[in-house]
Amino acid sequence: MIGALERLTEVPWRALGRRAPNGVRLASAVLIVTSRHRLWQRYGADGVAAIERAVGELSAAMAARGLSGTLLYADDSPLATCLGLLPADVRRPEAIAQLVRGVASRLAWTEEQARYVLILGDDGVVPFHRLPNPSPDGEETLLSDHPYATDEADPLKPVRAVGRIPDVGLSGLIDALEATARAHRALARRQPLSLTSDACGYSASVWRGAARAVFGAIGAPQALRLSPPLTHREWSLPDAAGPRLRYFNLHGVPGSPNWFGQRHPNYPGAYPHFPVALRAEEVPLAPGAVVLSEACYGAHIQSRSPSDSVALAFLSKGALAFVGATGVAYGGLAGGQLFAADLLARRFWESLCRGLSAGEALMVAKRAVITSALQGMGYLDSEDEKAVFNFVLFGDPSLVHWEPRSKRTDGQADSVEPAWAGPADSVGTRRAGEKRQARRRQGRCWRVSGAMWRGSCRSSGRKTCSSKRRPWQAGCNPRTWPVARTI
C-alpha cells in the first residue's frame, strides 16, 4: 500500500512510473468528458455523430503516444455503467466531478490511471463549478474547473490535469478536435513542434517589474513589450511563424472585447492612462501557440464569441492552449517575490519548458501557489485561493508543447513540483487583510485592476476610485486606487 506520506508528496505527472499496489504499471488515461444530451440538443444526431468520429480520431492519435483516450458521457456512459456508476445530473457540476472521481478510482481495475480530464463544450454543455468568492471584489461566484481535478478527501490539491475545449459552433469544436489530434500524431512521430521556440510578452507598464520576473522564465526580461507607450496600433503582432509561447499581463474587464495597458506613474503624462493594448479582432494567427494571460476575465467566455473574446479569438486562430482567469486575478507590482497569479504564471512557464504537458504545468503551478502560501504564511488567503480556483486551461491537458532543455536518462521530465505543504483546511484561516499587512511588512506591494475599475474594492484602509466610469475614460485617476491590483 502507498503510505500516507507518499500520497501527500508524490508527483502526479510521473504516473507512467507509478505502480499499483500489486506492482502493475499503470497506463495513462485521458477522460474525455461531455454530455450527450446537451450536445444532441445543440447539434442534433448528425452533429453528435460527427463529434464522436472526431473524438475517435483523437483517441487513436493519443494511443500512438501511449495514452488511453476514453469518451465519458456524464449523462449516458456505457463505461460508467460497466464500472457500476450511475449517470450524473449534468446540471450539477458537483455530480459530474463525483462521476469523474468514481471512474478515476475504478480505472485501476483496468491497470490505468486517469491523469488527464479533457472537457468538451462550454458552460452550457459541461458547467463550470460556481465556487464562493473569498475576496470582497464584487464577484458573486468563481467559475472554476478546479474541482474536476481534485479528490473528495482534499478539494484543494489537484491530482489530475484538467483542460476544456469550448465549443463555438459545431465546425469550431470539430476543427479544434482535429487540430489536437494532429498535434498528438506529430508528437508521436517526434516531428518538430509548430512555430518557433521563442516567446513574446506584453504587459501594462505599471506592472513591468512583476511581468519581467514572470517572462524571464521563457525569454529575456527586457524583451517584454509595455503598454503604454505601445497600444494596439503600435504593438507588432506575432505572425503565423511564431513565437509559440505568448504571455500577457494586461487589464481585462467583463463585457469588453479588449485588453488594456496602464501607464506607469513615472511615464510622461502625454501617455494615456489606460490605452487599448489588444483587441479581439486583431488577434493574429497562432497555430500551435500556448497563451497565458493574467488579465482579469481573460478566460471569461460566457455568452462570448471569437469576435468579442480574446481567449476565443486565440483558440479560433489555432492556439492549442490558453490559460487565463475566469474572473478577477491578483498579482504584484514588483518582481522580487512573486505570489498569486504571478507565481502561478512563472511556475507554469517553468514547468512547460521542462517538458510537462499544459495541463500538468498548470497543476504544478497551482500546487506551487498553495505550497508557497502555506509554507510562508501558514494559510491560504483569498488572493492565493482565487489564483488556484480562477485559472483554467482551454485546450487538451495532455499535449506537450516544449522539448525539455535538459534530458534525463530515464525519459521523464525534470521534477519541478514542490512537496505538498498541507491540507485543504488551511484555506482562509486568517483574514486576508492580515496577510496583506504581513506582506507590506515584507516589502511586498499589491495591485488590483478589474474590481478597482468598478470601484468595488472594500479592503480595509484603502482608497478606491470614486469614479463610476471605466478607467480609460477621462477623469479616473489611478493614483486614487489602492496599492493592490486585480489583473
Protein backbone atom coordinates (compact mmCIF):
# COMPACT_ATOMS: atom_id res chain seq x y z
CA MET A 1 0.00 0.00 0.00
CA ILE A 2 1.10 3.54 -0.70
CA GLY A 3 1.76 5.25 2.61
CA ALA A 4 0.14 8.49 3.74
CA LEU A 5 3.38 10.44 3.36
CA GLU A 6 3.86 9.23 -0.20
CA ARG A 7 0.29 10.19 -1.08
CA LEU A 8 0.98 13.72 0.08
CA THR A 9 4.29 14.18 -1.68
CA GLU A 10 4.04 12.06 -4.82
CA VAL A 11 4.44 13.87 -8.16
CA PRO A 12 1.22 13.02 -10.05
CA TRP A 13 2.64 13.68 -13.52
CA ARG A 14 5.06 10.80 -13.07
CA ALA A 15 2.21 8.34 -13.35
CA LEU A 16 3.97 6.40 -16.10
CA GLY A 17 6.45 5.29 -13.46
CA ARG A 18 3.88 4.61 -10.77
CA ARG A 19 2.76 1.10 -9.96
CA ALA A 20 -0.44 -0.18 -8.47
CA PRO A 21 -0.33 -1.93 -5.09
CA ASN A 22 0.03 -5.27 -6.93
CA GLY A 23 3.11 -3.97 -8.72
CA VAL A 24 1.44 -3.50 -12.13
CA ARG A 25 2.50 -0.41 -14.04
CA LEU A 26 -0.48 1.90 -14.62
CA ALA A 27 -1.11 3.24 -18.11
CA SER A 28 -2.10 6.88 -18.52
CA ALA A 29 -5.74 7.57 -19.35
CA VAL A 30 -7.45 10.69 -20.70
CA LEU A 31 -11.11 11.00 -19.71
CA ILE A 32 -12.90 12.98 -22.44
CA VAL A 33 -15.94 14.25 -20.56
CA THR A 34 -19.04 15.77 -22.13
CA SER A 35 -22.85 15.48 -22.22
CA ARG A 36 -24.54 13.50 -24.97
CA HIS A 37 -27.94 15.03 -24.28
CA ARG A 38 -26.76 18.62 -24.37
CA LEU A 39 -24.67 18.08 -27.50
CA TRP A 40 -27.70 16.46 -29.15
CA GLN A 41 -29.85 19.44 -28.17
CA ARG A 42 -27.39 21.82 -29.83
CA TYR A 43 -26.25 19.90 -32.88
CA GLY A 44 -28.69 17.06 -33.43
CA ALA A 45 -27.95 13.41 -34.11
CA ASP A 46 -25.71 14.13 -37.09
CA GLY A 47 -23.70 16.64 -35.11
CA VAL A 48 -23.19 14.20 -32.23
CA ALA A 49 -22.08 11.54 -34.73
CA ALA A 50 -19.56 13.95 -36.26
CA ILE A 51 -18.20 14.82 -32.81
CA GLU A 52 -17.88 11.13 -31.93
CA ARG A 53 -15.91 10.49 -35.13
CA ALA A 54 -13.56 13.35 -34.31
CA VAL A 55 -13.16 12.06 -30.75
CA GLY A 56 -12.39 8.60 -32.16
CA GLU A 57 -9.61 10.05 -34.31
CA LEU A 58 -8.29 11.95 -31.30
CA SER A 59 -8.27 8.78 -29.19
CA ALA A 60 -6.35 6.95 -31.91
CA ALA A 61 -3.80 9.78 -32.05
CA MET A 62 -3.46 9.67 -28.26
CA ALA A 63 -2.89 5.92 -28.41
CA ALA A 64 0.15 6.50 -30.62
CA ARG A 65 1.67 8.35 -27.64
CA GLY A 66 0.76 5.64 -25.14
CA LEU A 67 -2.31 7.45 -23.83
CA SER A 68 -5.72 5.82 -23.48
CA GLY A 69 -8.38 8.30 -24.59
CA THR A 70 -11.88 7.37 -23.39
CA LEU A 71 -15.11 9.22 -24.14
CA LEU A 72 -17.17 9.62 -20.97
CA TYR A 73 -20.70 10.86 -21.42
CA ALA A 74 -21.62 12.11 -17.98
CA ASP A 75 -25.32 11.55 -18.59
CA ASP A 76 -25.18 8.36 -20.69
CA SER A 77 -21.95 6.41 -20.45
CA PRO A 78 -21.51 2.67 -21.08
CA LEU A 79 -18.13 2.99 -19.35
CA ALA A 80 -19.70 4.28 -16.14
CA THR A 81 -22.33 1.55 -16.27
CA CYS A 82 -19.68 -1.14 -16.65
CA LEU A 83 -17.86 0.32 -13.65
CA GLY A 84 -21.02 0.27 -11.53
CA LEU A 85 -21.61 4.05 -11.59
CA LEU A 86 -24.86 5.89 -12.20
CA PRO A 87 -25.14 8.74 -14.75
CA ALA A 88 -24.66 12.25 -13.41
CA ASP A 89 -27.09 15.14 -13.45
CA VAL A 90 -25.31 17.39 -15.95
CA ARG A 91 -26.99 20.46 -14.45
CA ARG A 92 -24.85 19.92 -11.35
CA PRO A 93 -21.07 20.16 -11.83
CA GLU A 94 -20.61 18.54 -8.42
CA ALA A 95 -22.32 15.41 -9.73
CA ILE A 96 -20.09 15.34 -12.81
CA ALA A 97 -16.98 15.78 -10.66
CA GLN A 98 -18.14 12.91 -8.45
CA LEU A 99 -18.58 10.72 -11.54
CA VAL A 100 -15.07 11.62 -12.75
CA ARG A 101 -13.66 10.67 -9.34
CA GLY A 102 -15.55 7.40 -9.37
CA VAL A 103 -14.32 6.46 -12.84
CA ALA A 104 -10.77 7.52 -11.95
CA SER A 105 -10.75 5.35 -8.84
CA ARG A 106 -12.05 2.32 -10.73
CA LEU A 107 -9.70 2.59 -13.71
CA ALA A 108 -7.05 0.85 -11.61
CA TRP A 109 -9.08 -2.30 -12.26
CA THR A 110 -8.02 -1.99 -15.91
CA GLU A 111 -4.45 -1.04 -14.93
CA GLU A 112 -4.95 2.60 -15.93
CA GLN A 113 -4.66 5.91 -14.11
CA ALA A 114 -6.78 8.92 -15.05
CA ARG A 115 -4.03 11.53 -15.30
CA TYR A 116 -5.99 13.88 -17.56
CA VAL A 117 -9.56 15.14 -17.89
CA LEU A 118 -10.48 16.80 -21.19
CA ILE A 119 -13.87 18.55 -21.05
CA LEU A 120 -15.70 19.04 -24.35
CA GLY A 121 -18.03 22.01 -24.51
CA ASP A 122 -18.62 25.30 -22.81
CA ASP A 123 -20.55 26.04 -19.64
CA GLY A 124 -23.81 25.11 -21.36
CA VAL A 125 -22.58 21.55 -22.03
CA VAL A 126 -20.39 20.73 -19.04
CA PRO A 127 -20.87 23.51 -16.49
CA PHE A 128 -18.17 25.34 -14.59
CA HIS A 129 -18.32 24.99 -10.82
CA ARG A 130 -19.76 28.04 -9.04
CA LEU A 131 -17.49 28.47 -6.03
CA PRO A 132 -17.90 31.05 -3.26
CA ASN A 133 -15.82 34.16 -3.88
CA PRO A 134 -13.38 34.62 -0.97
CA SER A 135 -12.46 38.21 -1.92
CA PRO A 136 -14.51 41.40 -1.42
CA ASP A 137 -14.11 42.42 -5.06
CA GLY A 138 -17.68 42.41 -6.30
CA GLU A 139 -17.78 38.96 -7.93
CA GLU A 140 -20.63 36.79 -6.73
CA THR A 141 -19.10 33.41 -7.55
CA LEU A 142 -15.99 31.95 -9.16
CA LEU A 143 -16.31 29.96 -12.36
CA SER A 144 -13.86 27.10 -11.99
CA ASP A 145 -12.83 23.72 -13.40
CA HIS A 146 -10.57 23.08 -10.42
CA PRO A 147 -12.90 20.62 -8.59
CA TYR A 148 -12.74 18.29 -11.60
CA ALA A 149 -9.01 17.95 -10.80
CA THR A 150 -9.36 17.08 -7.11
CA ASP A 151 -10.45 14.18 -4.95
CA GLU A 152 -13.16 14.49 -2.34
CA ALA A 153 -10.71 13.94 0.52
CA ASP A 154 -8.80 17.13 -0.35
CA PRO A 155 -10.76 19.59 -2.53
CA LEU A 156 -7.77 21.93 -2.71
CA LYS A 157 -4.99 19.66 -4.01
CA PRO A 158 -5.18 18.95 -7.78
CA VAL A 159 -4.35 15.34 -8.65
CA ARG A 160 -5.46 15.34 -12.29
CA ALA A 161 -4.64 17.70 -15.14
CA VAL A 162 -7.84 19.30 -16.46
CA GLY A 163 -8.48 21.21 -19.66
CA ARG A 164 -11.53 22.26 -21.64
CA ILE A 165 -12.16 22.67 -25.37
CA PRO A 166 -15.01 25.21 -25.62
CA ASP A 167 -17.46 24.82 -28.46
CA VAL A 168 -18.10 27.90 -30.59
CA GLY A 169 -20.28 26.04 -33.03
CA LEU A 170 -20.10 22.51 -34.38
CA SER A 171 -17.46 23.26 -37.00
CA GLY A 172 -15.31 25.07 -34.44
CA LEU A 173 -15.44 22.16 -32.00
CA ILE A 174 -14.59 19.59 -34.67
CA ASP A 175 -11.77 21.77 -36.01
CA ALA A 176 -10.31 22.00 -32.50
CA LEU A 177 -10.52 18.23 -32.03
CA GLU A 178 -8.85 17.63 -35.39
CA ALA A 179 -6.06 20.12 -34.64
CA THR A 180 -5.47 18.44 -31.29
CA ALA A 181 -5.31 15.02 -32.96
CA ARG A 182 -2.76 16.33 -35.48
CA ALA A 183 -0.62 17.65 -32.61
CA HIS A 184 -0.69 14.24 -30.89
CA ARG A 185 0.31 12.49 -34.12
CA ALA A 186 3.19 14.93 -34.60
CA LEU A 187 4.42 14.25 -31.07
CA ALA A 188 4.17 10.50 -31.63
CA ARG A 189 6.29 10.82 -34.78
CA ARG A 190 8.75 13.11 -32.97
CA GLN A 191 8.19 15.81 -35.54
CA PRO A 192 9.32 19.36 -34.70
CA LEU A 193 6.72 21.41 -32.89
CA SER A 194 4.96 24.10 -34.89
CA LEU A 195 6.06 27.72 -34.58
CA THR A 196 9.44 28.95 -33.44
CA SER A 197 10.57 28.08 -29.92
CA ASP A 198 10.93 31.65 -28.71
CA ALA A 199 8.46 33.78 -26.77
CA CYS A 200 6.79 37.18 -26.77
CA GLY A 201 5.41 39.11 -23.80
CA TYR A 202 3.14 42.14 -23.48
CA SER A 203 2.33 43.88 -20.17
CA ALA A 204 0.87 47.02 -18.69
CA SER A 205 3.84 49.27 -17.95
CA VAL A 206 2.79 49.77 -14.33
CA TRP A 207 3.36 46.03 -13.73
CA ARG A 208 6.64 45.76 -15.59
CA GLY A 209 8.61 44.53 -12.54
CA ALA A 210 6.44 41.51 -11.82
CA ALA A 211 5.79 40.84 -15.51
CA ARG A 212 9.50 40.77 -16.32
CA ALA A 213 10.10 38.34 -13.47
CA VAL A 214 7.47 36.04 -14.97
CA PHE A 215 8.58 36.48 -18.58
CA GLY A 216 12.16 35.68 -17.61
CA ALA A 217 11.17 32.01 -17.49
CA ILE A 218 10.72 31.94 -21.27
CA GLY A 219 12.54 34.99 -22.66
CA ALA A 220 14.81 37.94 -22.00
CA PRO A 221 13.06 40.18 -19.42
CA GLN A 222 13.98 43.36 -21.29
CA ALA A 223 12.25 41.99 -24.41
CA LEU A 224 8.87 42.34 -22.69
CA ARG A 225 6.77 44.94 -24.50
CA LEU A 226 4.91 47.54 -22.44
CA SER A 227 1.64 49.44 -22.80
CA PRO A 228 1.99 52.38 -22.79
CA PRO A 229 3.93 53.52 -24.71
CA LEU A 230 2.59 50.80 -27.02
CA THR A 231 -1.07 50.47 -27.91
CA HIS A 232 -2.87 48.05 -30.18
CA ARG A 233 -1.76 50.21 -33.10
CA GLU A 234 1.98 50.12 -32.40
CA TRP A 235 2.37 46.61 -30.98
CA SER A 236 3.92 44.40 -33.65
CA LEU A 237 1.70 41.35 -33.81
CA PRO A 238 3.30 37.89 -33.95
CA ASP A 239 2.81 36.19 -37.27
CA ALA A 240 1.90 32.63 -38.22
CA ALA A 241 5.56 31.58 -37.91
CA GLY A 242 5.79 32.24 -34.19
CA PRO A 243 6.60 32.59 -31.45
CA ARG A 244 5.00 29.59 -29.78
CA LEU A 245 4.87 30.96 -26.21
CA ARG A 246 2.85 34.15 -25.67
CA TYR A 247 2.49 35.89 -22.31
CA PHE A 248 0.14 38.77 -21.48
CA ASN A 249 -0.20 40.79 -18.28
CA LEU A 250 -2.83 43.38 -19.18
CA HIS A 251 -6.12 44.70 -17.83
CA GLY A 252 -9.34 42.93 -18.67
CA VAL A 253 -12.92 43.83 -17.80
CA PRO A 254 -16.15 41.85 -18.18
CA GLY A 255 -18.06 42.60 -21.34
CA SER A 256 -15.16 44.21 -23.19
CA PRO A 257 -13.50 42.59 -26.23
CA ASN A 258 -10.25 44.43 -25.47
CA TRP A 259 -7.36 44.19 -23.07
CA PHE A 260 -5.84 47.40 -21.71
CA GLY A 261 -2.49 48.70 -20.55
CA GLN A 262 -1.88 51.09 -17.68
CA ARG A 263 0.61 53.94 -17.54
CA HIS A 264 3.46 53.74 -15.06
CA PRO A 265 3.47 56.75 -12.68
CA ASN A 266 6.98 57.68 -13.85
CA TYR A 267 6.00 57.81 -17.50
CA PRO A 268 5.27 61.13 -19.23
CA GLY A 269 1.78 62.49 -18.77
CA ALA A 270 1.27 62.54 -22.52
CA TYR A 271 0.75 58.80 -22.48
CA PRO A 272 -2.86 57.69 -21.95
CA HIS A 273 -3.71 56.18 -18.58
CA PHE A 274 -5.37 53.06 -19.98
CA PRO A 275 -4.70 52.56 -23.68
CA VAL A 276 -6.26 49.72 -25.62
CA ALA A 277 -3.41 47.22 -25.83
CA LEU A 278 -5.01 44.33 -27.70
CA ARG A 279 -8.32 43.87 -29.46
CA ALA A 280 -10.00 40.54 -30.11
CA GLU A 281 -10.47 41.36 -33.78
CA GLU A 282 -6.71 41.87 -34.16
CA VAL A 283 -5.53 38.60 -32.60
CA PRO A 284 -3.02 37.13 -35.06
CA LEU A 285 -2.77 33.60 -36.36
CA ALA A 286 -1.36 31.31 -33.69
CA PRO A 287 -1.22 27.70 -34.97
CA GLY A 288 0.06 25.59 -32.10
CA ALA A 289 0.67 28.52 -29.75
CA VAL A 290 0.48 28.43 -25.95
CA VAL A 291 -1.01 31.60 -24.46
CA LEU A 292 -1.08 32.60 -20.80
CA SER A 293 -2.88 35.75 -19.70
CA GLU A 294 -3.05 37.28 -16.24
CA ALA A 295 -5.79 39.67 -17.32
CA CYS A 296 -8.91 39.81 -15.20
CA TYR A 297 -11.67 37.93 -17.02
CA GLY A 298 -9.12 36.83 -19.62
CA ALA A 299 -10.78 33.40 -19.80
CA HIS A 300 -14.35 34.60 -19.31
CA ILE A 301 -16.23 33.13 -22.29
CA GLN A 302 -19.82 33.20 -21.08
CA SER A 303 -22.05 34.30 -23.99
CA ARG A 304 -18.97 35.31 -25.94
CA SER A 305 -17.60 34.57 -29.41
CA PRO A 306 -14.19 34.94 -31.10
CA SER A 307 -15.21 38.44 -32.18
CA ASP A 308 -15.56 39.74 -28.61
CA SER A 309 -13.31 37.42 -26.57
CA VAL A 310 -9.52 37.47 -26.86
CA ALA A 311 -9.34 33.92 -25.45
CA LEU A 312 -11.76 32.51 -28.02
CA ALA A 313 -10.05 34.54 -30.74
CA PHE A 314 -6.70 32.92 -29.93
CA LEU A 315 -8.29 29.46 -29.96
CA SER A 316 -10.05 30.13 -33.25
CA LYS A 317 -6.71 31.27 -34.74
CA GLY A 318 -5.06 27.96 -33.90
CA ALA A 319 -3.75 28.22 -30.33
CA LEU A 320 -3.64 24.79 -28.71
CA ALA A 321 -3.59 26.03 -25.12
CA PHE A 322 -4.93 29.16 -23.42
CA VAL A 323 -4.51 29.68 -19.67
CA GLY A 324 -6.37 32.52 -18.03
CA ALA A 325 -8.66 33.65 -15.22
CA THR A 326 -12.44 33.47 -15.46
CA GLY A 327 -12.74 36.45 -13.10
CA VAL A 328 -10.63 38.85 -11.08
CA ALA A 329 -6.97 37.86 -10.66
CA TYR A 330 -4.40 39.22 -8.22
CA GLY A 331 -0.67 39.86 -8.53
CA GLY A 332 2.10 42.25 -7.52
CA LEU A 333 3.85 45.34 -8.82
CA ALA A 334 7.46 44.39 -8.10
CA GLY A 335 9.27 41.27 -9.20
CA GLY A 336 11.23 40.48 -6.05
CA GLN A 337 8.82 37.94 -4.59
CA LEU A 338 6.04 36.58 -6.76
CA PHE A 339 2.70 35.40 -5.42
CA ALA A 340 -0.84 34.57 -6.54
CA ALA A 341 -1.29 34.93 -10.33
CA ASP A 342 2.33 36.00 -10.93
CA LEU A 343 3.73 32.96 -9.13
CA LEU A 344 1.29 30.69 -10.94
CA ALA A 345 2.34 32.13 -14.31
CA ARG A 346 6.05 31.79 -13.58
CA ARG A 347 5.72 28.19 -12.39
CA PHE A 348 3.53 27.32 -15.39
CA TRP A 349 6.15 28.52 -17.88
CA GLU A 350 8.96 26.82 -15.97
CA SER A 351 7.07 23.52 -15.90
CA LEU A 352 6.06 23.74 -19.54
CA CYS A 353 9.68 24.34 -20.56
CA ARG A 354 10.76 21.22 -18.68
CA GLY A 355 8.59 19.03 -20.87
CA LEU A 356 5.35 18.81 -18.88
CA SER A 357 2.06 18.96 -20.73
CA ALA A 358 -0.02 22.12 -20.49
CA GLY A 359 -2.42 20.58 -18.01
CA GLU A 360 0.35 19.17 -15.85
CA ALA A 361 2.17 22.52 -15.92
CA LEU A 362 -0.95 24.31 -14.66
CA MET A 363 -1.48 21.66 -12.00
CA VAL A 364 2.11 22.01 -10.78
CA ALA A 365 1.77 25.82 -10.84
CA LYS A 366 -1.35 25.71 -8.67
CA ARG A 367 0.31 23.38 -6.22
CA ALA A 368 3.27 25.76 -6.08
CA VAL A 369 0.96 28.66 -5.17
CA ILE A 370 -0.67 26.59 -2.43
CA THR A 371 2.63 25.31 -1.06
CA SER A 372 4.25 28.75 -1.11
CA ALA A 373 1.36 30.29 0.82
CA LEU A 374 1.14 27.52 3.39
CA GLN A 375 4.87 27.37 3.98
CA GLY A 376 5.34 31.14 4.08
CA MET A 377 2.19 32.30 5.85
CA GLY A 378 0.64 29.16 7.31
CA TYR A 379 -2.63 29.63 5.45
CA LEU A 380 -4.10 30.38 2.02
CA ASP A 381 -5.74 33.79 1.77
CA SER A 382 -8.37 34.96 -0.67
CA GLU A 383 -5.97 36.22 -3.36
CA ASP A 384 -4.00 32.98 -3.49
CA GLU A 385 -7.19 30.97 -3.31
CA LYS A 386 -8.61 32.81 -6.30
CA ALA A 387 -5.44 32.15 -8.28
CA VAL A 388 -5.90 28.43 -7.66
CA PHE A 389 -9.64 28.29 -8.42
CA ASN A 390 -9.88 31.06 -11.02
CA PHE A 391 -7.33 29.94 -13.60
CA VAL A 392 -8.45 27.43 -16.22
CA LEU A 393 -6.93 25.77 -19.26
CA PHE A 394 -8.64 25.83 -22.63
CA GLY A 395 -7.09 23.01 -24.62
CA ASP A 396 -6.01 19.39 -24.27
CA PRO A 397 -4.26 18.96 -20.90
CA SER A 398 -2.18 16.02 -22.19
CA LEU A 399 -0.43 17.89 -25.03
CA VAL A 400 3.27 18.67 -24.62
CA HIS A 401 4.38 21.97 -26.16
CA TRP A 402 8.07 22.09 -25.40
CA GLU A 403 11.13 19.90 -25.84
CA PRO A 404 12.83 19.66 -22.42
CA ARG A 405 16.06 21.66 -22.30
CA SER A 406 17.76 19.11 -20.05
CA LYS A 407 17.44 15.46 -20.96
CA ARG A 408 17.01 12.73 -18.37
CA THR A 409 18.25 9.24 -18.97
CA ASP A 410 15.00 7.78 -17.67
CA GLY A 411 12.95 9.62 -20.27
CA GLN A 412 10.91 11.63 -17.76
CA ALA A 413 10.72 15.36 -17.25
CA ASP A 414 12.74 17.05 -14.53
CA SER A 415 10.96 17.47 -11.21
CA VAL A 416 9.62 20.98 -10.76
CA GLU A 417 6.93 20.43 -8.16
CA PRO A 418 7.47 21.31 -4.50
CA ALA A 419 6.45 18.92 -1.77
CA TRP A 420 2.81 19.25 -0.76
CA ALA A 421 2.67 21.56 2.24
CA GLY A 422 -0.64 20.89 3.88
CA PRO A 423 -4.33 20.02 3.76
CA ALA A 424 -7.25 22.00 2.42
CA ASP A 425 -8.39 23.15 5.86
CA SER A 426 -5.58 25.73 5.76
CA VAL A 427 -7.67 27.85 3.39
CA GLY A 428 -8.91 31.13 4.78
CA THR A 429 -7.81 30.51 8.35
CA ARG A 430 -6.99 34.20 8.78
CA ARG A 431 -8.47 37.33 7.33
CA ALA A 432 -6.97 38.39 4.02
CA GLY A 433 -6.25 41.81 5.49
CA GLU A 434 -3.80 40.29 7.98
CA LYS A 435 -1.86 38.68 5.16
CA ARG A 436 -1.80 41.92 3.19
CA GLN A 437 -0.37 43.70 6.21
CA ALA A 438 2.24 40.96 6.65
CA ARG A 439 3.21 41.25 3.01
CA ARG A 440 3.52 45.01 3.35
CA ARG A 441 5.90 44.46 6.26
CA GLN A 442 7.88 42.18 3.98
CA GLY A 443 8.03 44.90 1.34
CA ARG A 444 5.57 43.19 -0.97
CA CYS A 445 3.30 45.51 -2.93
CA TRP A 446 -0.04 44.58 -4.43
CA ARG A 447 -2.03 45.64 -7.41
CA VAL A 448 -5.68 45.42 -8.31
CA SER A 449 -7.32 46.14 -11.64
CA GLY A 450 -10.67 44.73 -12.75
CA ALA A 451 -12.56 45.14 -9.49
CA MET A 452 -10.98 48.52 -8.84
CA TRP A 453 -12.22 49.78 -12.16
CA ARG A 454 -15.73 49.33 -10.84
CA GLY A 455 -14.81 50.98 -7.53
CA SER A 456 -15.82 47.78 -5.75
CA CYS A 457 -12.79 47.02 -3.58
CA ARG A 458 -13.70 47.23 0.07
CA SER A 459 -10.33 46.32 1.51
CA SER A 460 -9.82 47.86 4.93
CA GLY A 461 -7.81 51.06 4.99
CA ARG A 462 -7.64 51.52 1.23
CA LYS A 463 -8.91 54.19 -1.05
CA THR A 464 -10.85 53.20 -4.11
CA CYS A 465 -11.57 55.07 -7.28
CA SER A 466 -14.75 57.01 -6.62
CA SER A 467 -15.47 57.40 -10.33
CA LYS A 468 -18.05 55.00 -11.75
CA ARG A 469 -16.58 55.47 -15.22
CA ARG A 470 -14.32 52.97 -16.87
CA PRO A 471 -10.64 53.76 -16.32
CA TRP A 472 -9.92 54.56 -19.94
CA GLN A 473 -12.46 57.38 -19.74
CA ALA A 474 -11.14 60.80 -18.77
CA GLY A 475 -11.19 61.80 -15.14
CA CYS A 476 -10.43 58.46 -13.48
CA ASN A 477 -7.17 58.95 -11.62
CA PRO A 478 -5.31 55.66 -10.97
CA ARG A 479 -3.35 57.29 -8.15
CA THR A 480 -6.52 57.23 -6.04
CA TRP A 481 -6.68 53.45 -6.39
CA PRO A 482 -5.40 51.09 -3.70
CA VAL A 483 -1.88 49.76 -3.97
CA ALA A 484 -3.28 46.28 -4.61
CA ARG A 485 -4.40 45.28 -8.03
CA THR A 486 -6.55 42.59 -9.53
CA ILE A 487 -5.30 41.96 -13.01
